[in-house]
Structure formats: structure tokens, C-alpha cells
Amino acid sequence: MLSSRLNAVYKMIEKCNCLADIGTDHGYIPIEAVKNKLTDKAIASDIKIGPIEVAKRNIEKYGFLNKIDLRVGPGLSTLSNKEADVVVIAGMGGNLIADIIKNDIDIARNCNYLI
């Protein structure tokens, strides 16, 4: 299911309690992480409803709607502080990623790590 680019990102994820995928698009990274027991739960977040609807269909196929929470909103604003220990922000430009982190720096600082 994962492209070579997404697989490279996925391989950086270590076991965690909660993984957040910002700009999830299709939900593949959270699905793989839950399926392979890298995380107990995940958050699939995107700024647009269209990608969230696609992610929801994919997540439903695996029966993970009870483990992957879908959220619509910009960047890290969809997370509460200390909610996710690992955050993936991939597949967008460097300036946008920097802005996402800067806009919610406290949430970013309280994660174990960002990918």
C-alpha cells in the first residue's frame, strides 16, 4: 500500500502511544502503523475535508475507525498539547512544514519527535 516515499517515512516511526499524521491525505501511514502495532491509536488530520473522506474510506476497509481519529483543520491545531507522542508532517514543502511547526510550537515541542 505504501509508496517508496511513504515507506521511507513509515520506517522512521518507532513504537508509540499515539501517532499523528498531519496532511494525512489518504490515511495510509496511520493505517500501517496501527496494522503493524507501532501505535495503539492514531490521528489522521488534513486541512481539507476531501482527503479526510478518502482516508475514512481507507480506514473503514481495515476496521480501524475505533483506533484512528479523523480531524479536519490546519496543521497541528487539530491536536491538543501532549496528545500525540510522534507527529508526521510529510509530503509538503519545507516552508509550509516550518510554518506548521511555528504556528503551534508548544504542541510540536511536547512530542517525542517529529518526522
PDB file of N, CA and C in Angstrom:
ATOM      1  N   MET A   1       0.815  -1.190   0.000  1.00  0.00           N
ATOM      2  CA  MET A   1       0.000   0.000   0.000  1.00  0.00           C
ATOM      3  C   MET A   1       0.863   1.260   0.000  1.00  0.00           C
ATOM      4  N   LEU A   2       2.000   1.249   0.681  1.00  0.00           N
ATOM      5  CA  LEU A   2       2.815   2.456   0.778  1.00  0.00           C
ATOM      6  C   LEU A   2       3.727   2.616  -0.431  1.00  0.00           C
ATOM      7  N   SER A   3       3.775   3.835  -0.945  1.00  0.00           N
ATOM      8  CA  SER A   3       4.741   4.154  -1.998  1.00  0.00           C
ATOM      9  C   SER A   3       6.135   4.127  -1.386  1.00  0.00           C
ATOM     10  N   SER A   4       7.149   4.186  -2.214  1.00  0.00           N
ATOM     11  CA  SER A   4       8.515   4.175  -1.675  1.00  0.00           C
ATOM     12  C   SER A   4       8.754   5.403  -0.794  1.00  0.00           C
ATOM     13  N   ARG A   5       8.191   6.550  -1.159  1.00  0.00           N
ATOM     14  CA  ARG A   5       8.349   7.761  -0.338  1.00  0.00           C
ATOM     15  C   ARG A   5       7.668   7.597   1.017  1.00  0.00           C
ATOM     16  N   LEU A   6       6.428   7.122   1.007  1.00  0.00           N
ATOM     17  CA  LEU A   6       5.723   6.921   2.272  1.00  0.00           C
ATOM     18  C   LEU A   6       6.364   5.824   3.109  1.00  0.00           C
ATOM     19  N   ASN A   7       6.891   4.806   2.457  1.00  0.00           N
ATOM     20  CA  ASN A   7       7.569   3.738   3.178  1.00  0.00           C
ATOM     21  C   ASN A   7       8.816   4.269   3.886  1.00  0.00           C
ATOM     22  N   ALA A   8       9.531   5.182   3.243  1.00  0.00           N
ATOM     23  CA  ALA A   8      10.711   5.788   3.873  1.00  0.00           C
ATOM     24  C   ALA A   8      10.313   6.561   5.132  1.00  0.00           C
ATOM     25  N   VAL A   9       9.200   7.273   5.061  1.00  0.00           N
ATOM     26  CA  VAL A   9       8.685   7.991   6.225  1.00  0.00           C
ATOM     27  C   VAL A   9       8.250   6.990   7.292  1.00  0.00           C
ATOM     28  N   TYR A  10       7.504   5.986   6.891  1.00  0.00           N
ATOM     29  CA  TYR A  10       6.974   4.982   7.815  1.00  0.00           C
ATOM     30  C   TYR A  10       8.093   4.290   8.598  1.00  0.00           C
ATOM     31  N   LYS A  11       9.197   4.003   7.951  1.00  0.00           N
ATOM     32  CA  LYS A  11      10.312   3.307   8.604  1.00  0.00           C
ATOM     33  C   LYS A  11      10.948   4.129   9.725  1.00  0.00           C
ATOM     34  N   MET A  12      10.691   5.418   9.757  1.00  0.00           N
ATOM     35  CA  MET A  12      11.235   6.274  10.819  1.00  0.00           C
ATOM     36  C   MET A  12      10.394   6.240  12.096  1.00  0.00           C
ATOM     37  N   ILE A  13       9.212   5.667  12.017  1.00  0.00           N
ATOM     38  CA  ILE A  13       8.310   5.645  13.172  1.00  0.00           C
ATOM     39  C   ILE A  13       8.710   4.530  14.115  1.00  0.00           C
ATOM     40  N   GLU A  14       8.894   4.903  15.387  1.00  0.00           N
ATOM     41  CA  GLU A  14       9.146   3.921  16.439  1.00  0.00           C
ATOM     42  C   GLU A  14       7.857   3.713  17.219  1.00  0.00           C
ATOM     43  N   LYS A  15       7.794   2.641  17.979  1.00  0.00           N
ATOM     44  CA  LYS A  15       6.589   2.327  18.759  1.00  0.00           C
ATOM     45  C   LYS A  15       6.202   3.537  19.603  1.00  0.00           C
ATOM     46  N   CYS A  16       4.907   3.839  19.594  1.00  0.00           N
ATOM     47  CA  CYS A  16       4.418   4.986  20.348  1.00  0.00           C
ATOM     48  C   CYS A  16       2.985   4.743  20.793  1.00  0.00           C
ATOM     49  N   ASN A  17       2.501   5.610  21.666  1.00  0.00           N
ATOM     50  CA  ASN A  17       1.112   5.511  22.124  1.00  0.00           C
ATOM     51  C   ASN A  17       0.150   6.119  21.124  1.00  0.00           C
ATOM     52  N   CYS A  18       0.545   7.282  20.572  1.00  0.00           N
ATOM     53  CA  CYS A  18      -0.339   7.983  19.649  1.00  0.00           C
ATOM     54  C   CYS A  18       0.481   8.653  18.555  1.00  0.00           C
ATOM     55  N   LEU A  19       0.181   8.305  17.329  1.00  0.00           N
ATOM     56  CA  LEU A  19       0.820   8.871  16.148  1.00  0.00           C
ATOM     57  C   LEU A  19      -0.148   9.847  15.492  1.00  0.00           C
ATOM     58  N   ALA A  20       0.340  11.033  15.143  1.00  0.00           N
ATOM     59  CA  ALA A  20      -0.487  11.984  14.394  1.00  0.00           C
ATOM     60  C   ALA A  20       0.134  12.175  13.018  1.00  0.00           C
ATOM     61  N   ASP A  21      -0.692  12.034  11.987  1.00  0.00           N
ATOM     62  CA  ASP A  21      -0.254  12.251  10.607  1.00  0.00           C
ATOM     63  C   ASP A  21      -0.926  13.530  10.116  1.00  0.00           C
ATOM     64  N   ILE A  22      -0.129  14.589  10.008  1.00  0.00           N
ATOM     65  CA  ILE A  22      -0.635  15.896   9.600  1.00  0.00           C
ATOM     66  C   ILE A  22      -0.535  15.993   8.079  1.00  0.00           C
ATOM     67  N   GLY A  23      -1.646  16.299   7.441  1.00  0.00           N
ATOM     68  CA  GLY A  23      -1.690  16.258   5.976  1.00  0.00           C
ATOM     69  C   GLY A  23      -1.791  14.815   5.517  1.00  0.00           C
ATOM     70  N   THR A  24      -2.637  14.060   6.185  1.00  0.00           N
ATOM     71  CA  THR A  24      -2.712  12.606   6.006  1.00  0.00           C
ATOM     72  C   THR A  24      -3.068  12.185   4.589  1.00  0.00           C
ATOM     73  N   ASP A  25      -3.849  12.983   3.906  1.00  0.00           N
ATOM     74  CA  ASP A  25      -4.240  12.726   2.531  1.00  0.00           C
ATOM     75  C   ASP A  25      -5.120  11.478   2.414  1.00  0.00           C
ATOM     76  N   HIS A  26      -4.560  10.315   2.479  1.00  0.00           N
ATOM     77  CA  HIS A  26      -5.291   9.053   2.273  1.00  0.00           C
ATOM     78  C   HIS A  26      -5.291   8.156   3.502  1.00  0.00           C
ATOM     79  N   GLY A  27      -4.562   8.550   4.544  1.00  0.00           N
ATOM     80  CA  GLY A  27      -4.543   7.784   5.788  1.00  0.00           C
ATOM     81  C   GLY A  27      -3.649   6.565   5.796  1.00  0.00           C
ATOM     82  N   TYR A  28      -2.811   6.404   4.798  1.00  0.00           N
ATOM     83  CA  TYR A  28      -2.009   5.177   4.695  1.00  0.00           C
ATOM     84  C   TYR A  28      -1.009   5.000   5.839  1.00  0.00           C
ATOM     85  N   ILE A  29      -0.343   6.062   6.258  1.00  0.00           N
ATOM     86  CA  ILE A  29       0.648   5.917   7.325  1.00  0.00           C
ATOM     87  C   ILE A  29      -0.016   5.520   8.651  1.00  0.00           C
ATOM     88  N   PRO A  30      -1.082   6.192   9.077  1.00  0.00           N
ATOM     89  CA  PRO A  30      -1.743   5.725  10.305  1.00  0.00           C
ATOM     90  C   PRO A  30      -2.268   4.292  10.194  1.00  0.00           C
ATOM     91  N   ILE A  31      -2.797   3.930   9.038  1.00  0.00           N
ATOM     92  CA  ILE A  31      -3.292   2.567   8.845  1.00  0.00           C
ATOM     93  C   ILE A  31      -2.159   1.563   9.042  1.00  0.00           C
ATOM     94  N   GLU A  32      -1.038   1.779   8.391  1.00  0.00           N
ATOM     95  CA  GLU A  32       0.102   0.863   8.511  1.00  0.00           C
ATOM     96  C   GLU A  32       0.612   0.793   9.946  1.00  0.00           C
ATOM     97  N   ALA A  33       0.678   1.947  10.619  1.00  0.00           N
ATOM     98  CA  ALA A  33       1.182   1.977  11.992  1.00  0.00           C
ATOM     99  C   ALA A  33       0.272   1.200  12.939  1.00  0.00           C
ATOM    100  N   VAL A  34      -1.035   1.340  12.784  1.00  0.00           N
ATOM    101  CA  VAL A  34      -1.968   0.592  13.627  1.00  0.00           C
ATOM    102  C   VAL A  34      -1.942  -0.887  13.251  1.00  0.00           C
ATOM    103  N   LYS A  35      -1.957  -1.172  11.961  1.00  0.00           N
ATOM    104  CA  LYS A  35      -1.967  -2.561  11.486  1.00  0.00           C
ATOM    105  C   LYS A  35      -0.756  -3.333  12.002  1.00  0.00           C
ATOM    106  N   ASN A  36       0.404  -2.676  12.037  1.00  0.00           N
ATOM    107  CA  ASN A  36       1.639  -3.333  12.465  1.00  0.00           C
ATOM    108  C   ASN A  36       1.969  -3.102  13.932  1.00  0.00           C
ATOM    109  N   LYS A  37       0.988  -2.571  14.672  1.00  0.00           N
ATOM    110  CA  LYS A  37       1.092  -2.373  16.114  1.00  0.00           C
ATOM    111  C   LYS A  37       2.253  -1.470  16.529  1.00  0.00           C
ATOM    112  N   LEU A  38       2.573  -0.486  15.670  1.00  0.00           N
ATOM    113  CA  LEU A  38       3.565   0.528  16.041  1.00  0.00           C
ATOM    114  C   LEU A  38       2.951   1.568  16.970  1.00  0.00           C
ATOM    115  N   THR A  39       1.640   1.687  16.927  1.00  0.00           N
ATOM    116  CA  THR A  39       0.937   2.634  17.783  1.00  0.00           C
ATOM    117  C   THR A  39      -0.391   2.039  18.221  1.00  0.00           C
ATOM    118  N   ASP A  40      -0.817   2.442  19.393  1.00  0.00           N
ATOM    119  CA  ASP A  40      -2.113   1.988  19.903  1.00  0.00           C
ATOM    120  C   ASP A  40      -3.259   2.724  19.225  1.00  0.00           C
ATOM    121  N   LYS A  41      -3.019   4.004  18.943  1.00  0.00           N
ATOM    122  CA  LYS A  41      -4.037   4.820  18.294  1.00  0.00           C
ATOM    123  C   LYS A  41      -3.343   5.862  17.430  1.00  0.00           C
ATOM    124  N   ALA A  42      -4.114   6.458  16.528  1.00  0.00           N
ATOM    125  CA  ALA A  42      -3.546   7.453  15.623  1.00  0.00           C
ATOM    126  C   ALA A  42      -4.562   8.545  15.329  1.00  0.00           C
ATOM    127  N   ILE A  43      -4.030   9.652  14.836  1.00  0.00           N
ATOM    128  CA  ILE A  43      -4.851  10.777  14.400  1.00  0.00           C
ATOM    129  C   ILE A  43      -4.478  11.056  12.952  1.00  0.00           C
ATOM    130  N   ALA A  44      -5.460  11.049  12.095  1.00  0.00           N
ATOM    131  CA  ALA A  44      -5.264  11.385  10.682  1.00  0.00           C
ATOM    132  C   ALA A  44      -5.908  12.747  10.470  1.00  0.00           C
ATOM    133  N   SER A  45      -5.074  13.740  10.180  1.00  0.00           N
ATOM    134  CA  SER A  45      -5.553  15.117  10.106  1.00  0.00           C
ATOM    135  C   SER A  45      -5.212  15.729   8.753  1.00  0.00           C
ATOM    136  N   ASP A  46      -6.129  16.531   8.234  1.00  0.00           N
ATOM    137  CA  ASP A  46      -5.887  17.240   6.980  1.00  0.00           C
ATOM    138  C   ASP A  46      -6.660  18.543   7.000  1.00  0.00           C
ATOM    139  N   ILE A  47      -6.191  19.503   6.250  1.00  0.00           N
ATOM    140  CA  ILE A  47      -6.840  20.810   6.210  1.00  0.00           C
ATOM    141  C   ILE A  47      -8.125  20.786   5.378  1.00  0.00           C
ATOM    142  N   LYS A  48      -8.262  19.789   4.505  1.00  0.00           N
ATOM    143  CA  LYS A  48      -9.429  19.712   3.618  1.00  0.00           C
ATOM    144  C   LYS A  48     -10.267  18.475   3.921  1.00  0.00           C
ATOM    145  N   ILE A  49     -11.568  18.611   3.753  1.00  0.00           N
ATOM    146  CA  ILE A  49     -12.497  17.512   4.020  1.00  0.00           C
ATOM    147  C   ILE A  49     -12.359  16.386   2.989  1.00  0.00           C
ATOM    148  N   GLY A  50     -12.048  16.720   1.736  1.00  0.00           N
ATOM    149  CA  GLY A  50     -11.927  15.698   0.694  1.00  0.00           C
ATOM    150  C   GLY A  50     -10.927  14.607   1.049  1.00  0.00           C
ATOM    151  N   PRO A  51      -9.691  14.964   1.402  1.00  0.00           N
ATOM    152  CA  PRO A  51      -8.735  13.935   1.799  1.00  0.00           C
ATOM    153  C   PRO A  51      -9.180  13.152   3.039  1.00  0.00           C
ATOM    154  N   ILE A  52      -9.859  13.813   3.955  1.00  0.00           N
ATOM    155  CA  ILE A  52     -10.342  13.107   5.145  1.00  0.00           C
ATOM    156  C   ILE A  52     -11.392  12.070   4.763  1.00  0.00           C
ATOM    157  N   GLU A  53     -12.231  12.388   3.800  1.00  0.00           N
ATOM    158  CA  GLU A  53     -13.230  11.418   3.337  1.00  0.00           C
ATOM    159  C   GLU A  53     -12.557  10.211   2.684  1.00  0.00           C
ATOM    160  N   VAL A  54     -11.498  10.460   1.907  1.00  0.00           N
ATOM    161  CA  VAL A  54     -10.729   9.359   1.304  1.00  0.00           C
ATOM    162  C   VAL A  54     -10.079   8.523   2.401  1.00  0.00           C
ATOM    163  N   ALA A  55      -9.457   9.196   3.370  1.00  0.00           N
ATOM    164  CA  ALA A  55      -8.818   8.486   4.486  1.00  0.00           C
ATOM    165  C   ALA A  55      -9.847   7.652   5.248  1.00  0.00           C
ATOM    166  N   LYS A  56     -11.032   8.214   5.470  1.00  0.00           N
ATOM    167  CA  LYS A  56     -12.071   7.484   6.203  1.00  0.00           C
ATOM    168  C   LYS A  56     -12.446   6.194   5.478  1.00  0.00           C
ATOM    169  N   ARG A  57     -12.613   6.262   4.172  1.00  0.00           N
ATOM    170  CA  ARG A  57     -12.936   5.036   3.410  1.00  0.00           C
ATOM    171  C   ARG A  57     -11.823   4.002   3.552  1.00  0.00           C
ATOM    172  N   ASN A  58     -10.575   4.440   3.467  1.00  0.00           N
ATOM    173  CA  ASN A  58      -9.452   3.511   3.602  1.00  0.00           C
ATOM    174  C   ASN A  58      -9.376   2.923   5.002  1.00  0.00           C
ATOM    175  N   ILE A  59      -9.591   3.749   6.007  1.00  0.00           N
ATOM    176  CA  ILE A  59      -9.545   3.294   7.397  1.00  0.00           C
ATOM    177  C   ILE A  59     -10.685   2.315   7.673  1.00  0.00           C
ATOM    178  N   GLU A  60     -11.859   2.583   7.120  1.00  0.00           N
ATOM    179  CA  GLU A  60     -13.005   1.678   7.278  1.00  0.00           C
ATOM    180  C   GLU A  60     -12.713   0.299   6.706  1.00  0.00           C
ATOM    181  N   LYS A  61     -11.996   0.239   5.581  1.00  0.00           N
ATOM    182  CA  LYS A  61     -11.653  -1.054   4.957  1.00  0.00           C
ATOM    183  C   LYS A  61     -10.911  -1.961   5.928  1.00  0.00           C
ATOM    184  N   TYR A  62     -10.115  -1.365   6.805  1.00  0.00           N
ATOM    185  CA  TYR A  62      -9.325  -2.148   7.755  1.00  0.00           C
ATOM    186  C   TYR A  62     -10.008  -2.279   9.115  1.00  0.00           C
ATOM    187  N   GLY A  63     -11.152  -1.647   9.284  1.00  0.00           N
ATOM    188  CA  GLY A  63     -11.871  -1.724  10.550  1.00  0.00           C
ATOM    189  C   GLY A  63     -11.186  -0.961  11.672  1.00  0.00           C
ATOM    190  N   PHE A  64     -10.494   0.128  11.333  1.00  0.00           N
ATOM    191  CA  PHE A  64      -9.718   0.867  12.325  1.00  0.00           C
ATOM    192  C   PHE A  64     -10.349   2.192  12.746  1.00  0.00           C
ATOM    193  N   LEU A  65     -11.616   2.422  12.449  1.00  0.00           N
ATOM    194  CA  LEU A  65     -12.235   3.694  12.840  1.00  0.00           C
ATOM    195  C   LEU A  65     -12.225   3.891  14.352  1.00  0.00           C
ATOM    196  N   ASN A  66     -12.139   2.817  15.106  1.00  0.00           N
ATOM    197  CA  ASN A  66     -12.077   2.935  16.568  1.00  0.00           C
ATOM    198  C   ASN A  66     -10.660   3.228  17.056  1.00  0.00           C
ATOM    199  N   LYS A  67      -9.663   3.148  16.168  1.00  0.00           N
ATOM    200  CA  LYS A  67      -8.267   3.382  16.549  1.00  0.00           C
ATOM    201  C   LYS A  67      -7.646   4.596  15.875  1.00  0.00           C
ATOM    202  N   ILE A  68      -8.256   5.063  14.790  1.00  0.00           N
ATOM    203  CA  ILE A  68      -7.725   6.215  14.056  1.00  0.00           C
ATOM    204  C   ILE A  68      -8.787   7.303  14.028  1.00  0.00           C
ATOM    205  N   ASP A  69      -8.471   8.409  14.681  1.00  0.00           N
ATOM    206  CA  ASP A  69      -9.382   9.548  14.758  1.00  0.00           C
ATOM    207  C   ASP A  69      -9.143  10.461  13.563  1.00  0.00           C
ATOM    208  N   LEU A  70     -10.191  10.855  12.891  1.00  0.00           N
ATOM    209  CA  LEU A  70     -10.107  11.743  11.729  1.00  0.00           C
ATOM    210  C   LEU A  70     -10.422  13.175  12.147  1.00  0.00           C
ATOM    211  N   ARG A  71      -9.569  14.116  11.715  1.00  0.00           N
ATOM    212  CA  ARG A  71      -9.763  15.515  12.088  1.00  0.00           C
ATOM    213  C   ARG A  71      -9.502  16.434  10.905  1.00  0.00           C
ATOM    214  N   VAL A  72     -10.280  17.495  10.829  1.00  0.00           N
ATOM    215  CA  VAL A  72     -10.121  18.484   9.766  1.00  0.00           C
ATOM    216  C   VAL A  72      -9.669  19.800  10.396  1.00  0.00           C
ATOM    217  N   GLY A  73      -8.575  20.339   9.866  1.00  0.00           N
ATOM    218  CA  GLY A  73      -8.084  21.624  10.346  1.00  0.00           C
ATOM    219  C   GLY A  73      -6.654  21.838   9.912  1.00  0.00           C
ATOM    220  N   PRO A  74      -6.159  23.054  10.118  1.00  0.00           N
ATOM    221  CA  PRO A  74      -4.802  23.373   9.687  1.00  0.00           C
ATOM    222  C   PRO A  74      -3.721  22.873  10.648  1.00  0.00           C
ATOM    223  N   GLY A  75      -2.731  22.222  10.089  1.00  0.00           N
ATOM    224  CA  GLY A  75      -1.529  21.857  10.833  1.00  0.00           C
ATOM    225  C   GLY A  75      -1.761  21.149  12.145  1.00  0.00           C
ATOM    226  N   LEU A  76      -0.978  21.552  13.136  1.00  0.00           N
ATOM    227  CA  LEU A  76      -1.022  20.934  14.460  1.00  0.00           C
ATOM    228  C   LEU A  76      -2.186  21.428  15.309  1.00  0.00           C
ATOM    229  N   SER A  77      -2.968  22.372  14.789  1.00  0.00           N
ATOM    230  CA  SER A  77      -4.093  22.921  15.556  1.00  0.00           C
ATOM    231  C   SER A  77      -5.164  21.874  15.841  1.00  0.00           C
ATOM    232  N   THR A  78      -5.142  20.765  15.133  1.00  0.00           N
ATOM    233  CA  THR A  78      -6.124  19.707  15.370  1.00  0.00           C
ATOM    234  C   THR A  78      -5.745  18.826  16.565  1.00  0.00           C
ATOM    235  N   LEU A  79      -4.557  19.060  17.113  1.00  0.00           N
ATOM    236  CA  LEU A  79      -4.078  18.267  18.253  1.00  0.00           C
ATOM    237  C   LEU A  79      -4.146  19.088  19.528  1.00  0.00           C
ATOM    238  N   SER A  80      -4.372  18.419  20.643  1.00  0.00           N
ATOM    239  CA  SER A  80      -4.199  19.094  21.918  1.00  0.00           C
ATOM    240  C   SER A  80      -2.778  18.821  22.409  1.00  0.00           C
ATOM    241  N   ASN A  81      -2.331  19.653  23.310  1.00  0.00           N
ATOM    242  CA  ASN A  81      -0.963  19.560  23.803  1.00  0.00           C
ATOM    243  C   ASN A  81      -0.709  18.196  24.451  1.00  0.00           C
ATOM    244  N   LYS A  82       0.388  17.561  24.083  1.00  0.00           N
ATOM    245  CA  LYS A  82       0.827  16.261  24.605  1.00  0.00           C
ATOM    246  C   LYS A  82      -0.084  15.103  24.192  1.00  0.00           C
ATOM    247  N   GLU A  83      -0.956  15.325  23.206  1.00  0.00           N
ATOM    248  CA  GLU A  83      -1.865  14.266  22.765  1.00  0.00           C
ATOM    249  C   GLU A  83      -1.134  13.197  21.950  1.00  0.00           C
ATOM    250  N   ALA A  84      -0.239  13.618  21.075  1.00  0.00           N
ATOM    251  CA  ALA A  84       0.497  12.679  20.220  1.00  0.00           C
ATOM    252  C   ALA A  84       1.966  12.680  20.612  1.00  0.00           C
ATOM    253  N   ASP A  85       2.548  11.501  20.723  1.00  0.00           N
ATOM    254  CA  ASP A  85       3.975  11.466  21.030  1.00  0.00           C
ATOM    255  C   ASP A  85       4.834  11.504  19.784  1.00  0.00           C
ATOM    256  N   VAL A  86       4.280  11.109  18.641  1.00  0.00           N
ATOM    257  CA  VAL A  86       5.000  11.165  17.369  1.00  0.00           C
ATOM    258  C   VAL A  86       4.112  11.865  16.346  1.00  0.00           C
ATOM    259  N   VAL A  87       4.699  12.804  15.605  1.00  0.00           N
ATOM    260  CA  VAL A  87       3.951  13.545  14.594  1.00  0.00           C
ATOM    261  C   VAL A  87       4.675  13.441  13.261  1.00  0.00           C
ATOM    262  N   VAL A  88       3.934  13.060  12.228  1.00  0.00           N
ATOM    263  CA  VAL A  88       4.441  13.025  10.863  1.00  0.00           C
ATOM    264  C   VAL A  88       3.874  14.240  10.127  1.00  0.00           C
ATOM    265  N   ILE A  89       4.783  15.029   9.537  1.00  0.00           N
ATOM    266  CA  ILE A  89       4.384  16.151   8.676  1.00  0.00           C
ATOM    267  C   ILE A  89       5.223  15.980   7.412  1.00  0.00           C
ATOM    268  N   ALA A  90       4.679  15.314   6.425  1.00  0.00           N
ATOM    269  CA  ALA A  90       5.469  14.982   5.232  1.00  0.00           C
ATOM    270  C   ALA A  90       4.645  15.227   3.969  1.00  0.00           C
ATOM    271  N   GLY A  91       5.341  15.356   2.861  1.00  0.00           N
ATOM    272  CA  GLY A  91       4.663  15.482   1.578  1.00  0.00           C
ATOM    273  C   GLY A  91       4.243  16.895   1.233  1.00  0.00           C
ATOM    274  N   MET A  92       4.838  17.861   1.904  1.00  0.00           N
ATOM    275  CA  MET A  92       4.562  19.264   1.583  1.00  0.00           C
ATOM    276  C   MET A  92       5.888  20.007   1.610  1.00  0.00           C
ATOM    277  N   GLY A  93       5.891  21.209   1.152  1.00  0.00           N
ATOM    278  CA  GLY A  93       7.125  21.973   1.070  1.00  0.00           C
ATOM    279  C   GLY A  93       7.716  22.322   2.424  1.00  0.00           C
ATOM    280  N   GLY A  94       9.004  22.560   2.427  1.00  0.00           N
ATOM    281  CA  GLY A  94       9.727  22.883   3.655  1.00  0.00           C
ATOM    282  C   GLY A  94       9.220  24.138   4.341  1.00  0.00           C
ATOM    283  N   ASN A  95       8.889  25.176   3.561  1.00  0.00           N
ATOM    284  CA  ASN A  95       8.379  26.413   4.163  1.00  0.00           C
ATOM    285  C   ASN A  95       7.042  26.184   4.849  1.00  0.00           C
ATOM    286  N   LEU A  96       6.172  25.397   4.226  1.00  0.00           N
ATOM    287  CA  LEU A  96       4.874  25.094   4.835  1.00  0.00           C
ATOM    288  C   LEU A  96       5.066  24.284   6.115  1.00  0.00           C
ATOM    289  N   ILE A  97       5.945  23.300   6.082  1.00  0.00           N
ATOM    290  CA  ILE A  97       6.213  22.494   7.279  1.00  0.00           C
ATOM    291  C   ILE A  97       6.734  23.387   8.399  1.00  0.00           C
ATOM    292  N   ALA A  98       7.669  24.293   8.075  1.00  0.00           N
ATOM    293  CA  ALA A  98       8.208  25.216   9.082  1.00  0.00           C
ATOM    294  C   ALA A  98       7.094  26.082   9.665  1.00  0.00           C
ATOM    295  N   ASP A  99       6.192  26.568   8.823  1.00  0.00           N
ATOM    296  CA  ASP A  99       5.069  27.382   9.302  1.00  0.00           C
ATOM    297  C   ASP A  99       4.142  26.578  10.203  1.00  0.00           C
ATOM    298  N   ILE A 100       3.869  25.340   9.838  1.00  0.00           N
ATOM    299  CA  ILE A 100       3.004  24.473  10.645  1.00  0.00           C
ATOM    300  C   ILE A 100       3.594  24.303  12.037  1.00  0.00           C
ATOM    301  N   ILE A 101       4.890  24.051  12.098  1.00  0.00           N
ATOM    302  CA  ILE A 101       5.552  23.859  13.393  1.00  0.00           C
ATOM    303  C   ILE A 101       5.556  25.169  14.179  1.00  0.00           C
ATOM    304  N   LYS A 102       5.913  26.263  13.511  1.00  0.00           N
ATOM    305  CA  LYS A 102       5.988  27.572  14.177  1.00  0.00           C
ATOM    306  C   LYS A 102       4.625  28.003  14.715  1.00  0.00           C
ATOM    307  N   ASN A 103       3.560  27.746  13.972  1.00  0.00           N
ATOM    308  CA  ASN A 103       2.225  28.177  14.388  1.00  0.00           C
ATOM    309  C   ASN A 103       1.738  27.481  15.652  1.00  0.00           C
ATOM    310  N   ASP A 104       2.226  26.285  15.920  1.00  0.00           N
ATOM    311  CA  ASP A 104       1.832  25.540  17.128  1.00  0.00           C
ATOM    312  C   ASP A 104       3.071  24.934  17.775  1.00  0.00           C
ATOM    313  N   ILE A 105       4.041  25.791  18.051  1.00  0.00           N
ATOM    314  CA  ILE A 105       5.341  25.336  18.550  1.00  0.00           C
ATOM    315  C   ILE A 105       5.235  24.559  19.864  1.00  0.00           C
ATOM    316  N   ASP A 106       4.315  24.930  20.750  1.00  0.00           N
ATOM    317  CA  ASP A 106       4.197  24.212  22.020  1.00  0.00           C
ATOM    318  C   ASP A 106       3.759  22.766  21.806  1.00  0.00           C
ATOM    319  N   ILE A 107       2.860  22.546  20.880  1.00  0.00           N
ATOM    320  CA  ILE A 107       2.433  21.179  20.580  1.00  0.00           C
ATOM    321  C   ILE A 107       3.607  20.408  19.989  1.00  0.00           C
ATOM    322  N   ALA A 108       4.341  21.025  19.082  1.00  0.00           N
ATOM    323  CA  ALA A 108       5.500  20.372  18.470  1.00  0.00           C
ATOM    324  C   ALA A 108       6.558  20.030  19.511  1.00  0.00           C
ATOM    325  N   ARG A 109       6.823  20.945  20.419  1.00  0.00           N
ATOM    326  CA  ARG A 109       7.858  20.726  21.450  1.00  0.00           C
ATOM    327  C   ARG A 109       7.482  19.607  22.407  1.00  0.00           C
ATOM    328  N   ASN A 110       6.199  19.361  22.609  1.00  0.00           N
ATOM    329  CA  ASN A 110       5.773  18.357  23.562  1.00  0.00           C
ATOM    330  C   ASN A 110       5.592  16.962  22.965  1.00  0.00           C
ATOM    331  N   CYS A 111       5.991  16.796  21.712  1.00  0.00           N
ATOM    332  CA  CYS A 111       6.023  15.465  21.101  1.00  0.00           C
ATOM    333  C   CYS A 111       7.375  14.833  21.389  1.00  0.00           C
ATOM    334  N   ASN A 112       7.450  13.521  21.338  1.00  0.00           N
ATOM    335  CA  ASN A 112       8.757  12.869  21.478  1.00  0.00           C
ATOM    336  C   ASN A 112       9.636  13.208  20.286  1.00  0.00           C
ATOM    337  N   TYR A 113       9.058  13.178  19.095  1.00  0.00           N
ATOM    338  CA  TYR A 113       9.778  13.581  17.894  1.00  0.00           C
ATOM    339  C   TYR A 113       8.835  13.816  16.738  1.00  0.00           C
ATOM    340  N   LEU A 114       9.342  14.559  15.751  1.00  0.00           N
ATOM    341  CA  LEU A 114       8.619  14.876  14.525  1.00  0.00           C
ATOM    342  C   LEU A 114       9.325  14.214  13.351  1.00  0.00           C
ATOM    343  N   ILE A 115       8.545  13.769  12.391  1.00  0.00           N
ATOM    344  CA  ILE A 115       9.087  13.249  11.130  1.00  0.00           C
ATOM    345  C   ILE A 115       8.582  14.149  10.032  1.00  0.00           C
TER     346      ILE A 115
END
